[in-house]
Amino acid sequence: MSAAPEAAEGTESAKGGGGKKKLVLLAVPLVLAGVGAGLWFTGILPPLLGMGPPPPAADAGAAAAEAAPRPPAFFDMPEIVTNLNASGRRPVFVKLRSKLEITRAEDSAQITAAMPRLLDLFQTYLRETRPEELRGSAGTHRLREELIARANIALSPPPGSTQPAPRVTDVLFVEILVQ
């Protein structure tokens, strides 16, 4: 009887060892595939295989340094105080101080020249806005997006002009007061 339990233990240990071998045989290719995918997506593998663009030369490095993005410039907008589209007898006003983030500092002169159109578009939008629409971060985000779109419209050059248009990338709020 003692031989039977020992034989059973021997077969169980043989089965356990085979399971570990199968696990190793499945895990190794998966790990290698993961490492290969990581190298591929980071861009290390294509140059090693001779695929993709050639590595940049020293001249390309100097050109890339010259074409590096410049830091953005900021343009102070005048303070805007206007009434909102409020229901009821009591008027609701908004006071807005903001800055425009522009791509080039040289565009400040063009923005100053277009200031009447810019202020008109901002005030027209604000006068149609209800006070509830300005509440919370979602309201501020919507206001920012609308003002960016209107600023880029106001700063677009006249038809037939070859002059590049100034581009507003963001509107930064210094003060928003709804009263």
N, C-alpha and C. Protein backbone atom coordinates (compact mmCIF):
# COMPACT_ATOMS: atom_id res chain seq x y z
N MET A 1 0.81 -1.18 0.00
CA MET A 1 0.00 0.00 0.00
C MET A 1 0.86 1.24 0.00
N SER A 2 1.98 1.15 0.62
CA SER A 2 2.82 2.33 0.66
C SER A 2 3.37 2.65 -0.73
N ALA A 3 3.45 1.72 -1.62
CA ALA A 3 3.95 1.95 -2.98
C ALA A 3 2.95 2.73 -3.79
N ALA A 4 1.67 2.53 -3.57
CA ALA A 4 0.64 3.24 -4.35
C ALA A 4 0.64 4.73 -4.06
N PRO A 5 0.68 5.18 -2.79
CA PRO A 5 0.70 6.63 -2.56
C PRO A 5 1.96 7.27 -3.10
N GLU A 6 3.09 6.58 -3.03
CA GLU A 6 4.31 7.15 -3.57
C GLU A 6 4.22 7.29 -5.08
N ALA A 7 3.62 6.36 -5.74
CA ALA A 7 3.46 6.42 -7.19
C ALA A 7 2.52 7.56 -7.55
N ALA A 8 1.48 7.78 -6.76
CA ALA A 8 0.54 8.86 -7.03
C ALA A 8 1.24 10.21 -6.87
N GLU A 9 2.08 10.34 -5.84
CA GLU A 9 2.81 11.58 -5.64
C GLU A 9 3.76 11.82 -6.79
N GLY A 10 4.37 10.80 -7.30
CA GLY A 10 5.31 10.92 -8.41
C GLY A 10 4.61 11.40 -9.67
N THR A 11 3.41 10.93 -9.95
CA THR A 11 2.70 11.37 -11.14
C THR A 11 2.22 12.81 -10.99
N GLU A 12 1.85 13.21 -9.76
CA GLU A 12 1.41 14.58 -9.55
C GLU A 12 2.56 15.55 -9.75
N SER A 13 3.76 15.20 -9.28
CA SER A 13 4.90 16.09 -9.45
C SER A 13 5.30 16.16 -10.91
N ALA A 14 5.12 15.09 -11.66
CA ALA A 14 5.42 15.11 -13.08
C ALA A 14 4.44 16.01 -13.81
N LYS A 15 3.17 15.96 -13.41
CA LYS A 15 2.17 16.82 -14.05
C LYS A 15 2.45 18.28 -13.73
N GLY A 16 2.83 18.58 -12.49
CA GLY A 16 3.12 19.96 -12.08
C GLY A 16 4.30 20.51 -12.85
N GLY A 17 5.31 19.72 -13.07
CA GLY A 17 6.48 20.16 -13.83
C GLY A 17 6.12 20.44 -15.27
N GLY A 18 5.24 19.64 -15.84
CA GLY A 18 4.83 19.86 -17.23
C GLY A 18 4.02 21.14 -17.37
N GLY A 19 3.23 21.46 -16.35
CA GLY A 19 2.44 22.69 -16.37
C GLY A 19 3.34 23.92 -16.32
N LYS A 20 4.42 23.83 -15.56
CA LYS A 20 5.35 24.95 -15.47
C LYS A 20 6.07 25.14 -16.79
N LYS A 21 6.39 24.03 -17.47
CA LYS A 21 7.05 24.14 -18.77
C LYS A 21 6.13 24.80 -19.79
N LYS A 22 4.85 24.44 -19.76
CA LYS A 22 3.90 25.06 -20.68
C LYS A 22 3.76 26.55 -20.39
N LEU A 23 3.75 26.90 -19.11
CA LEU A 23 3.64 28.30 -18.73
C LEU A 23 4.85 29.09 -19.23
N VAL A 24 6.03 28.53 -19.08
CA VAL A 24 7.25 29.19 -19.54
C VAL A 24 7.24 29.30 -21.06
N LEU A 25 6.81 28.22 -21.74
CA LEU A 25 6.78 28.25 -23.21
C LEU A 25 5.77 29.28 -23.74
N LEU A 26 4.72 29.55 -22.99
CA LEU A 26 3.75 30.57 -23.41
C LEU A 26 4.19 31.97 -22.99
N ALA A 27 4.82 32.09 -21.84
CA ALA A 27 5.19 33.40 -21.32
C ALA A 27 6.36 34.02 -22.08
N VAL A 28 7.35 33.23 -22.46
CA VAL A 28 8.54 33.77 -23.13
C VAL A 28 8.17 34.46 -24.45
N PRO A 29 7.39 33.84 -25.35
CA PRO A 29 7.03 34.56 -26.58
C PRO A 29 6.20 35.82 -26.32
N LEU A 30 5.34 35.76 -25.30
CA LEU A 30 4.54 36.95 -24.99
C LEU A 30 5.43 38.09 -24.50
N VAL A 31 6.40 37.80 -23.67
CA VAL A 31 7.31 38.82 -23.17
C VAL A 31 8.14 39.38 -24.32
N LEU A 32 8.64 38.49 -25.19
CA LEU A 32 9.43 38.96 -26.35
C LEU A 32 8.58 39.81 -27.29
N ALA A 33 7.34 39.44 -27.48
CA ALA A 33 6.45 40.24 -28.33
C ALA A 33 6.20 41.60 -27.70
N GLY A 34 6.03 41.65 -26.40
CA GLY A 34 5.83 42.92 -25.70
C GLY A 34 7.04 43.83 -25.80
N VAL A 35 8.22 43.27 -25.64
CA VAL A 35 9.45 44.05 -25.76
C VAL A 35 9.60 44.55 -27.19
N GLY A 36 9.33 43.70 -28.17
CA GLY A 36 9.42 44.11 -29.57
C GLY A 36 8.43 45.22 -29.90
N ALA A 37 7.20 45.10 -29.39
CA ALA A 37 6.20 46.15 -29.64
C ALA A 37 6.63 47.45 -28.99
N GLY A 38 7.18 47.37 -27.79
CA GLY A 38 7.66 48.58 -27.12
C GLY A 38 8.77 49.25 -27.90
N LEU A 39 9.72 48.47 -28.41
CA LEU A 39 10.79 49.03 -29.22
C LEU A 39 10.26 49.61 -30.53
N TRP A 40 9.27 48.97 -31.11
CA TRP A 40 8.70 49.44 -32.38
C TRP A 40 8.00 50.79 -32.17
N PHE A 41 7.15 50.88 -31.15
CA PHE A 41 6.37 52.09 -30.94
C PHE A 41 7.20 53.25 -30.40
N THR A 42 8.33 52.98 -29.77
CA THR A 42 9.19 54.08 -29.33
C THR A 42 10.08 54.58 -30.45
N GLY A 43 10.12 53.85 -31.56
CA GLY A 43 10.91 54.29 -32.71
C GLY A 43 12.32 53.77 -32.71
N ILE A 44 12.67 52.92 -31.79
CA ILE A 44 14.03 52.38 -31.73
C ILE A 44 14.21 51.27 -32.75
N LEU A 45 13.21 50.43 -32.94
CA LEU A 45 13.33 49.26 -33.80
C LEU A 45 13.40 49.60 -35.29
N PRO A 46 12.59 50.52 -35.86
CA PRO A 46 12.68 50.77 -37.31
C PRO A 46 14.07 51.18 -37.79
N PRO A 47 14.81 52.10 -37.09
CA PRO A 47 16.15 52.41 -37.58
C PRO A 47 17.09 51.21 -37.50
N LEU A 48 16.88 50.33 -36.52
CA LEU A 48 17.72 49.14 -36.42
C LEU A 48 17.49 48.20 -37.59
N LEU A 49 16.28 48.18 -38.11
CA LEU A 49 15.95 47.29 -39.22
C LEU A 49 16.19 47.95 -40.57
N GLY A 50 16.65 49.19 -40.59
CA GLY A 50 16.89 49.88 -41.85
C GLY A 50 15.62 50.48 -42.42
N MET A 51 14.58 50.57 -41.64
CA MET A 51 13.31 51.13 -42.09
C MET A 51 13.17 52.54 -41.54
N GLY A 52 12.31 53.33 -42.12
CA GLY A 52 12.01 54.65 -41.59
C GLY A 52 13.02 55.67 -42.07
N PRO A 53 12.89 56.88 -41.62
CA PRO A 53 13.79 57.94 -42.07
C PRO A 53 15.19 57.76 -41.51
N PRO A 54 16.18 58.25 -42.22
CA PRO A 54 17.55 58.13 -41.72
C PRO A 54 17.72 59.01 -40.49
N PRO A 55 18.69 58.68 -39.65
CA PRO A 55 18.92 59.51 -38.47
C PRO A 55 19.34 60.92 -38.90
N PRO A 56 18.95 61.95 -38.14
CA PRO A 56 19.28 63.31 -38.54
C PRO A 56 20.77 63.56 -38.51
N ALA A 57 21.24 64.34 -39.48
CA ALA A 57 22.65 64.70 -39.57
C ALA A 57 22.90 65.94 -38.72
N ALA A 58 24.14 66.38 -38.64
CA ALA A 58 24.48 67.55 -37.84
C ALA A 58 23.84 68.81 -38.43
N ASP A 59 23.77 68.91 -39.77
CA ASP A 59 23.15 70.07 -40.40
C ASP A 59 21.67 70.13 -40.10
N ALA A 60 21.01 69.00 -40.05
CA ALA A 60 19.59 68.97 -39.74
C ALA A 60 19.35 69.40 -38.31
N GLY A 61 20.27 69.12 -37.42
CA GLY A 61 20.15 69.54 -36.02
C GLY A 61 20.21 71.06 -35.90
N ALA A 62 21.07 71.70 -36.67
CA ALA A 62 21.16 73.15 -36.64
C ALA A 62 19.89 73.78 -37.22
N ALA A 63 19.35 73.18 -38.28
CA ALA A 63 18.11 73.71 -38.88
C ALA A 63 16.94 73.52 -37.92
N ALA A 64 16.92 72.42 -37.20
CA ALA A 64 15.84 72.18 -36.25
C ALA A 64 15.91 73.16 -35.09
N ALA A 65 17.12 73.53 -34.68
CA ALA A 65 17.27 74.50 -33.59
C ALA A 65 16.76 75.87 -34.02
N GLU A 66 16.98 76.23 -35.30
CA GLU A 66 16.48 77.52 -35.80
C GLU A 66 14.97 77.50 -35.93
N ALA A 67 14.39 76.36 -36.29
CA ALA A 67 12.95 76.26 -36.50
C ALA A 67 12.21 75.87 -35.21
N ALA A 68 12.90 75.87 -34.09
CA ALA A 68 12.28 75.52 -32.82
C ALA A 68 11.17 76.54 -32.51
N PRO A 69 10.08 76.08 -31.92
CA PRO A 69 8.98 77.00 -31.65
C PRO A 69 9.39 78.09 -30.68
N ARG A 70 8.97 79.31 -31.02
CA ARG A 70 9.25 80.44 -30.16
C ARG A 70 8.24 80.47 -29.02
N PRO A 71 8.60 81.06 -27.92
CA PRO A 71 7.62 81.16 -26.84
C PRO A 71 6.48 82.07 -27.28
N PRO A 72 5.28 81.81 -26.80
CA PRO A 72 4.14 82.63 -27.23
C PRO A 72 4.24 84.04 -26.67
N ALA A 73 3.57 84.95 -27.35
CA ALA A 73 3.51 86.33 -26.89
C ALA A 73 2.10 86.58 -26.37
N PHE A 74 1.95 87.56 -25.51
CA PHE A 74 0.66 87.87 -24.93
C PHE A 74 0.29 89.31 -25.24
N PHE A 75 -0.97 89.53 -25.53
CA PHE A 75 -1.49 90.85 -25.86
C PHE A 75 -2.59 91.18 -24.89
N ASP A 76 -2.46 92.31 -24.17
CA ASP A 76 -3.48 92.71 -23.20
C ASP A 76 -4.68 93.30 -23.91
N MET A 77 -5.84 92.76 -23.61
CA MET A 77 -7.09 93.30 -24.13
C MET A 77 -7.61 94.37 -23.18
N PRO A 78 -8.30 95.38 -23.71
CA PRO A 78 -8.91 96.34 -22.80
C PRO A 78 -10.04 95.69 -22.01
N GLU A 79 -10.34 96.28 -20.89
CA GLU A 79 -11.41 95.77 -20.04
C GLU A 79 -12.75 95.92 -20.75
N ILE A 80 -13.58 94.89 -20.68
CA ILE A 80 -14.91 94.91 -21.29
C ILE A 80 -15.94 94.82 -20.17
N VAL A 81 -16.87 95.77 -20.16
CA VAL A 81 -17.99 95.73 -19.23
C VAL A 81 -19.25 95.83 -20.09
N THR A 82 -20.09 94.81 -20.02
CA THR A 82 -21.31 94.79 -20.82
C THR A 82 -22.40 94.02 -20.07
N ASN A 83 -23.63 94.26 -20.52
CA ASN A 83 -24.74 93.54 -19.88
C ASN A 83 -24.92 92.18 -20.56
N LEU A 84 -25.45 91.26 -19.79
CA LEU A 84 -25.72 89.92 -20.29
C LEU A 84 -27.20 89.79 -20.64
N ASN A 85 -27.53 88.74 -21.34
CA ASN A 85 -28.91 88.47 -21.74
C ASN A 85 -29.63 87.80 -20.57
N ALA A 86 -30.10 88.63 -19.64
CA ALA A 86 -30.71 88.10 -18.43
C ALA A 86 -32.22 88.28 -18.50
N SER A 87 -32.93 87.26 -18.03
CA SER A 87 -34.37 87.39 -17.93
C SER A 87 -34.70 88.06 -16.61
N GLY A 88 -35.75 88.84 -16.59
CA GLY A 88 -36.11 89.54 -15.36
C GLY A 88 -35.87 91.03 -15.51
N ARG A 89 -36.18 91.74 -14.47
CA ARG A 89 -36.08 93.20 -14.52
C ARG A 89 -34.69 93.69 -14.17
N ARG A 90 -34.00 92.95 -13.37
CA ARG A 90 -32.69 93.40 -12.90
C ARG A 90 -31.62 93.07 -13.95
N PRO A 91 -30.86 94.06 -14.42
CA PRO A 91 -29.81 93.77 -15.40
C PRO A 91 -28.62 93.05 -14.74
N VAL A 92 -27.98 92.21 -15.51
CA VAL A 92 -26.79 91.49 -15.04
C VAL A 92 -25.64 91.90 -15.95
N PHE A 93 -24.52 92.28 -15.34
CA PHE A 93 -23.37 92.75 -16.08
C PHE A 93 -22.21 91.78 -15.92
N VAL A 94 -21.31 91.83 -16.89
CA VAL A 94 -20.07 91.06 -16.82
C VAL A 94 -18.91 92.03 -17.04
N LYS A 95 -17.89 91.85 -16.23
CA LYS A 95 -16.65 92.60 -16.38
C LYS A 95 -15.59 91.57 -16.75
N LEU A 96 -14.92 91.80 -17.88
CA LEU A 96 -13.96 90.82 -18.40
C LEU A 96 -12.64 91.50 -18.70
N ARG A 97 -11.59 91.00 -18.07
CA ARG A 97 -10.22 91.40 -18.41
C ARG A 97 -9.52 90.15 -18.89
N SER A 98 -8.85 90.25 -20.05
CA SER A 98 -8.24 89.06 -20.63
C SER A 98 -6.96 89.42 -21.37
N LYS A 99 -6.24 88.38 -21.72
CA LYS A 99 -5.04 88.49 -22.55
C LYS A 99 -5.18 87.50 -23.69
N LEU A 100 -4.70 87.89 -24.85
CA LEU A 100 -4.68 86.99 -26.00
C LEU A 100 -3.29 86.38 -26.10
N GLU A 101 -3.24 85.08 -26.27
CA GLU A 101 -1.97 84.40 -26.53
C GLU A 101 -1.83 84.29 -28.04
N ILE A 102 -0.78 84.91 -28.58
CA ILE A 102 -0.57 84.92 -30.03
C ILE A 102 0.73 84.21 -30.36
N THR A 103 0.85 83.78 -31.60
CA THR A 103 2.02 82.98 -31.99
C THR A 103 3.27 83.81 -32.17
N ARG A 104 3.13 85.06 -32.62
CA ARG A 104 4.30 85.91 -32.86
C ARG A 104 4.10 87.28 -32.21
N ALA A 105 5.12 87.80 -31.58
CA ALA A 105 5.03 89.13 -30.95
C ALA A 105 4.89 90.22 -32.00
N GLU A 106 5.36 89.97 -33.22
CA GLU A 106 5.27 90.97 -34.29
C GLU A 106 3.83 91.26 -34.70
N ASP A 107 2.90 90.39 -34.35
CA ASP A 107 1.50 90.56 -34.74
C ASP A 107 0.75 91.58 -33.87
N SER A 108 1.41 92.13 -32.86
CA SER A 108 0.74 93.07 -31.97
C SER A 108 0.20 94.29 -32.70
N ALA A 109 0.91 94.78 -33.68
CA ALA A 109 0.46 95.95 -34.43
C ALA A 109 -0.82 95.63 -35.21
N GLN A 110 -0.90 94.45 -35.81
CA GLN A 110 -2.10 94.06 -36.54
C GLN A 110 -3.29 93.89 -35.59
N ILE A 111 -3.04 93.39 -34.40
CA ILE A 111 -4.12 93.21 -33.42
C ILE A 111 -4.63 94.58 -32.96
N THR A 112 -3.71 95.52 -32.75
CA THR A 112 -4.12 96.86 -32.36
C THR A 112 -4.97 97.50 -33.46
N ALA A 113 -4.59 97.29 -34.71
CA ALA A 113 -5.36 97.85 -35.82
C ALA A 113 -6.75 97.22 -35.92
N ALA A 114 -6.88 95.96 -35.56
CA ALA A 114 -8.17 95.26 -35.65
C ALA A 114 -8.95 95.33 -34.34
N MET A 115 -8.50 96.12 -33.37
CA MET A 115 -9.14 96.15 -32.05
C MET A 115 -10.62 96.53 -32.09
N PRO A 116 -11.07 97.52 -32.88
CA PRO A 116 -12.51 97.81 -32.89
C PRO A 116 -13.36 96.60 -33.30
N ARG A 117 -12.92 95.88 -34.31
CA ARG A 117 -13.66 94.69 -34.75
C ARG A 117 -13.62 93.60 -33.68
N LEU A 118 -12.48 93.44 -33.05
CA LEU A 118 -12.31 92.43 -32.01
C LEU A 118 -13.22 92.73 -30.81
N LEU A 119 -13.23 93.96 -30.36
CA LEU A 119 -14.10 94.33 -29.24
C LEU A 119 -15.57 94.19 -29.60
N ASP A 120 -15.93 94.53 -30.82
CA ASP A 120 -17.32 94.39 -31.26
C ASP A 120 -17.76 92.93 -31.22
N LEU A 121 -16.93 92.03 -31.73
CA LEU A 121 -17.29 90.61 -31.73
C LEU A 121 -17.35 90.05 -30.31
N PHE A 122 -16.43 90.46 -29.45
CA PHE A 122 -16.46 89.99 -28.06
C PHE A 122 -17.71 90.48 -27.34
N GLN A 123 -18.02 91.78 -27.48
CA GLN A 123 -19.18 92.34 -26.78
C GLN A 123 -20.48 91.79 -27.33
N THR A 124 -20.57 91.61 -28.63
CA THR A 124 -21.79 91.05 -29.22
C THR A 124 -22.03 89.65 -28.68
N TYR A 125 -20.99 88.85 -28.59
CA TYR A 125 -21.16 87.51 -28.05
C TYR A 125 -21.57 87.56 -26.58
N LEU A 126 -20.91 88.40 -25.79
CA LEU A 126 -21.21 88.48 -24.37
C LEU A 126 -22.64 88.98 -24.12
N ARG A 127 -23.13 89.90 -24.94
CA ARG A 127 -24.49 90.42 -24.74
C ARG A 127 -25.55 89.36 -25.02
N GLU A 128 -25.24 88.36 -25.83
CA GLU A 128 -26.19 87.28 -26.12
C GLU A 128 -26.05 86.11 -25.15
N THR A 129 -25.07 86.17 -24.28
CA THR A 129 -24.83 85.09 -23.32
C THR A 129 -25.68 85.29 -22.08
N ARG A 130 -26.28 84.21 -21.61
CA ARG A 130 -27.05 84.25 -20.37
C ARG A 130 -26.11 84.02 -19.18
N PRO A 131 -26.43 84.59 -18.02
CA PRO A 131 -25.55 84.42 -16.86
C PRO A 131 -25.32 82.95 -16.49
N GLU A 132 -26.32 82.10 -16.68
CA GLU A 132 -26.16 80.67 -16.35
C GLU A 132 -25.09 80.00 -17.21
N GLU A 133 -24.89 80.52 -18.42
CA GLU A 133 -23.92 79.91 -19.33
C GLU A 133 -22.48 80.18 -18.91
N LEU A 134 -22.26 81.12 -18.02
CA LEU A 134 -20.90 81.45 -17.57
C LEU A 134 -20.53 80.77 -16.27
N ARG A 135 -21.44 80.02 -15.70
CA ARG A 135 -21.17 79.37 -14.41
C ARG A 135 -20.30 78.13 -14.58
N GLY A 136 -19.40 77.95 -13.67
CA GLY A 136 -18.59 76.74 -13.62
C GLY A 136 -17.46 76.73 -14.64
N SER A 137 -16.66 75.70 -14.54
CA SER A 137 -15.51 75.57 -15.45
C SER A 137 -15.95 75.27 -16.88
N ALA A 138 -17.06 74.57 -17.05
CA ALA A 138 -17.55 74.29 -18.40
C ALA A 138 -17.98 75.59 -19.08
N GLY A 139 -18.61 76.49 -18.35
CA GLY A 139 -19.01 77.77 -18.92
C GLY A 139 -17.81 78.61 -19.29
N THR A 140 -16.79 78.61 -18.45
CA THR A 140 -15.57 79.36 -18.74
C THR A 140 -14.86 78.77 -19.96
N HIS A 141 -14.84 77.45 -20.06
CA HIS A 141 -14.22 76.80 -21.21
C HIS A 141 -14.95 77.15 -22.50
N ARG A 142 -16.29 77.11 -22.47
CA ARG A 142 -17.08 77.48 -23.65
C ARG A 142 -16.82 78.93 -24.05
N LEU A 143 -16.77 79.81 -23.06
CA LEU A 143 -16.49 81.22 -23.34
C LEU A 143 -15.12 81.38 -23.98
N ARG A 144 -14.13 80.68 -23.47
CA ARG A 144 -12.78 80.75 -24.03
C ARG A 144 -12.77 80.30 -25.49
N GLU A 145 -13.39 79.17 -25.77
CA GLU A 145 -13.42 78.64 -27.13
C GLU A 145 -14.11 79.61 -28.10
N GLU A 146 -15.22 80.19 -27.66
CA GLU A 146 -15.95 81.13 -28.51
C GLU A 146 -15.14 82.40 -28.77
N LEU A 147 -14.46 82.89 -27.75
CA LEU A 147 -13.66 84.11 -27.92
C LEU A 147 -12.44 83.85 -28.80
N ILE A 148 -11.84 82.69 -28.71
CA ILE A 148 -10.72 82.35 -29.60
C ILE A 148 -11.20 82.34 -31.05
N ALA A 149 -12.33 81.70 -31.29
CA ALA A 149 -12.86 81.63 -32.67
C ALA A 149 -13.17 83.03 -33.19
N ARG A 150 -13.80 83.87 -32.37
CA ARG A 150 -14.14 85.22 -32.80
C ARG A 150 -12.89 86.08 -32.99
N ALA A 151 -11.88 85.89 -32.17
CA ALA A 151 -10.64 86.65 -32.33
C ALA A 151 -9.96 86.30 -33.65
N ASN A 152 -9.93 85.03 -33.99
CA ASN A 152 -9.31 84.63 -35.25
C ASN A 152 -10.11 85.13 -36.45
N ILE A 153 -11.42 85.23 -36.32
CA ILE A 153 -12.24 85.80 -37.39
C ILE A 153 -11.94 87.29 -37.53
N ALA A 154 -11.87 88.00 -36.41
CA ALA A 154 -11.63 89.44 -36.44
C ALA A 154 -10.25 89.77 -37.00
N LEU A 155 -9.29 88.89 -36.80
CA LEU A 155 -7.92 89.16 -37.23
C LEU A 155 -7.60 88.61 -38.61
N SER A 156 -8.56 87.98 -39.26
CA SER A 156 -8.29 87.44 -40.59
C SER A 156 -8.06 88.60 -41.56
N PRO A 157 -7.10 88.46 -42.47
CA PRO A 157 -6.80 89.55 -43.41
C PRO A 157 -7.91 89.70 -44.44
N PRO A 158 -8.01 90.86 -45.06
CA PRO A 158 -9.03 91.04 -46.09
C PRO A 158 -8.78 90.11 -47.27
N PRO A 159 -9.85 89.80 -48.03
CA PRO A 159 -9.67 88.92 -49.19
C PRO A 159 -8.66 89.51 -50.17
N GLY A 160 -7.83 88.65 -50.70
CA GLY A 160 -6.82 89.06 -51.68
C GLY A 160 -5.52 89.52 -51.05
N SER A 161 -5.45 89.57 -49.74
CA SER A 161 -4.24 90.00 -49.05
C SER A 161 -3.25 88.84 -48.97
N THR A 162 -1.99 89.14 -49.17
CA THR A 162 -0.95 88.12 -49.07
C THR A 162 -0.30 88.12 -47.70
N GLN A 163 -0.72 89.03 -46.88
CA GLN A 163 -0.17 89.17 -45.53
C GLN A 163 -0.67 88.02 -44.64
N PRO A 164 0.23 87.36 -43.89
CA PRO A 164 -0.24 86.29 -43.01
C PRO A 164 -1.06 86.86 -41.86
N ALA A 165 -2.10 86.15 -41.50
CA ALA A 165 -2.99 86.61 -40.42
C ALA A 165 -2.38 86.27 -39.07
N PRO A 166 -2.53 87.16 -38.10
CA PRO A 166 -2.13 86.79 -36.75
C PRO A 166 -3.02 85.66 -36.25
N ARG A 167 -2.46 84.80 -35.46
CA ARG A 167 -3.23 83.65 -34.98
C ARG A 167 -3.30 83.69 -33.46
N VAL A 168 -4.52 83.67 -32.94
CA VAL A 168 -4.75 83.63 -31.50
C VAL A 168 -4.87 82.16 -31.10
N THR A 169 -4.01 81.73 -30.18
CA THR A 169 -4.03 80.33 -29.76
C THR A 169 -4.80 80.13 -28.47
N ASP A 170 -4.95 81.20 -27.67
CA ASP A 170 -5.68 81.05 -26.41
C ASP A 170 -6.14 82.41 -25.92
N VAL A 171 -7.16 82.41 -25.12
CA VAL A 171 -7.63 83.59 -24.40
C VAL A 171 -7.47 83.28 -22.93
N LEU A 172 -6.68 84.10 -22.25
CA LEU A 172 -6.41 83.89 -20.83
C LEU A 172 -7.22 84.91 -20.04
N PHE A 173 -8.00 84.45 -19.10
CA PHE A 173 -8.86 85.33 -18.32
C PHE A 173 -8.08 85.84 -17.11
N VAL A 174 -8.00 87.16 -17.00
CA VAL A 174 -7.39 87.78 -15.85
C VAL A 174 -8.46 88.01 -14.78
N GLU A 175 -9.67 88.43 -15.24
CA GLU A 175 -10.76 88.67 -14.32
C GLU A 175 -12.08 88.48 -15.05
N ILE A 176 -12.97 87.73 -14.43
CA ILE A 176 -14.34 87.59 -14.90
C ILE A 176 -15.23 87.87 -13.69
N LEU A 177 -16.04 88.90 -13.81
CA LEU A 177 -16.92 89.26 -12.72
C LEU A 177 -18.34 89.36 -13.28
N VAL A 178 -19.24 88.53 -12.80
CA VAL A 178 -20.65 88.58 -13.19
C VAL A 178 -21.41 89.14 -12.01
N GLN A 179 -22.13 90.24 -12.26
CA GLN A 179 -22.83 90.90 -11.16
C GLN A 179 -24.20 91.37 -11.61
